[in-house]
Amino acid sequence: MSPNTSTSTSAFTLPAGGAVADLADARGVSVDELVGEAVRRYVEVEASRVRDEALRLAGRHQVLLRRLGE
């Protein structure tokens, strides 16, 4: 986790279908642990996509950004 990232937890209930429960059981973890891991992975992937897009846009508009910074 990066230093700028805050941690927060929220309790919520999702219906855990049989496949989720079976996978959690096969991995030896609780459904909550499995879902938590899946959410963390999803957030990491989405954050990476947003960073990549921000860098792409910054590169594409570097001249404008430089002028605005003057």
Protein backbone atom coordinates (compact mmCIF):
# COMPACT_ATOMS: atom_id res chain seq x y z
CA MET A 1 0.00 0.00 0.00
CA SER A 2 1.38 3.41 -0.88
CA PRO A 3 2.07 5.98 1.83
CA ASN A 4 -0.69 8.26 0.51
CA THR A 5 -3.32 5.55 0.74
CA SER A 6 -5.63 5.55 3.71
CA THR A 7 -7.22 2.40 4.94
CA SER A 8 -10.88 2.22 5.69
CA THR A 9 -13.16 -0.66 6.34
CA SER A 10 -16.88 -0.87 5.85
CA ALA A 11 -19.19 -3.68 6.72
CA PHE A 12 -21.61 -4.76 4.06
CA THR A 13 -23.40 -7.94 3.14
CA LEU A 14 -23.33 -9.53 -0.27
CA PRO A 15 -25.10 -12.70 -1.20
CA ALA A 16 -22.41 -15.36 -1.48
CA GLY A 17 -23.43 -17.84 -4.12
CA GLY A 18 -22.41 -21.45 -3.93
CA ALA A 19 -19.43 -20.90 -6.22
CA VAL A 20 -17.97 -18.22 -3.94
CA ALA A 21 -18.45 -20.36 -0.86
CA ASP A 22 -16.98 -23.39 -2.64
CA LEU A 23 -13.93 -21.43 -3.79
CA ALA A 24 -13.36 -19.99 -0.33
CA ASP A 25 -13.62 -23.48 1.15
CA ALA A 26 -11.20 -24.91 -1.42
CA ARG A 27 -8.69 -22.16 -0.63
CA GLY A 28 -9.13 -22.57 3.10
CA VAL A 29 -10.32 -19.01 3.70
CA SER A 30 -13.59 -17.46 4.74
CA VAL A 31 -15.96 -15.97 2.20
CA ASP A 32 -15.22 -12.54 3.73
CA GLU A 33 -11.47 -13.03 3.24
CA LEU A 34 -11.96 -14.18 -0.35
CA VAL A 35 -14.22 -11.25 -1.20
CA GLY A 36 -11.87 -8.81 0.55
CA GLU A 37 -8.95 -10.09 -1.51
CA ALA A 38 -11.00 -9.82 -4.71
CA VAL A 39 -12.00 -6.23 -3.93
CA ARG A 40 -8.41 -5.24 -3.09
CA ARG A 41 -7.20 -6.72 -6.39
CA TYR A 42 -9.95 -4.94 -8.32
CA VAL A 43 -9.12 -1.59 -6.71
CA GLU A 44 -5.41 -2.07 -7.46
CA VAL A 45 -6.13 -2.78 -11.14
CA GLU A 46 -8.52 0.16 -11.48
CA ALA A 47 -6.09 2.53 -9.71
CA SER A 48 -3.36 1.43 -12.10
CA ARG A 49 -5.61 2.08 -15.10
CA VAL A 50 -6.46 5.56 -13.80
CA ARG A 51 -2.77 6.37 -13.20
CA ASP A 52 -1.85 5.17 -16.68
CA GLU A 53 -4.59 7.28 -18.27
CA ALA A 54 -3.58 10.34 -16.22
CA LEU A 55 0.03 9.94 -17.36
CA ARG A 56 -1.07 9.53 -20.96
CA LEU A 57 -3.20 12.67 -20.80
CA ALA A 58 -0.47 14.64 -19.05
CA GLY A 59 2.00 13.63 -21.75
CA ARG A 60 -0.42 14.51 -24.51
CA HIS A 61 -1.15 17.93 -23.01
CA GLN A 62 2.26 18.76 -21.54
CA VAL A 63 2.58 22.05 -23.41
CA LEU A 64 -0.76 23.29 -22.06
CA LEU A 65 0.05 22.11 -18.55
CA ARG A 66 3.42 23.87 -18.68
CA ARG A 67 1.77 27.12 -19.80
CA LEU A 68 -0.82 26.89 -17.04
CA GLY A 69 1.95 26.38 -14.49
CA GLU A 70 3.74 29.60 -15.47
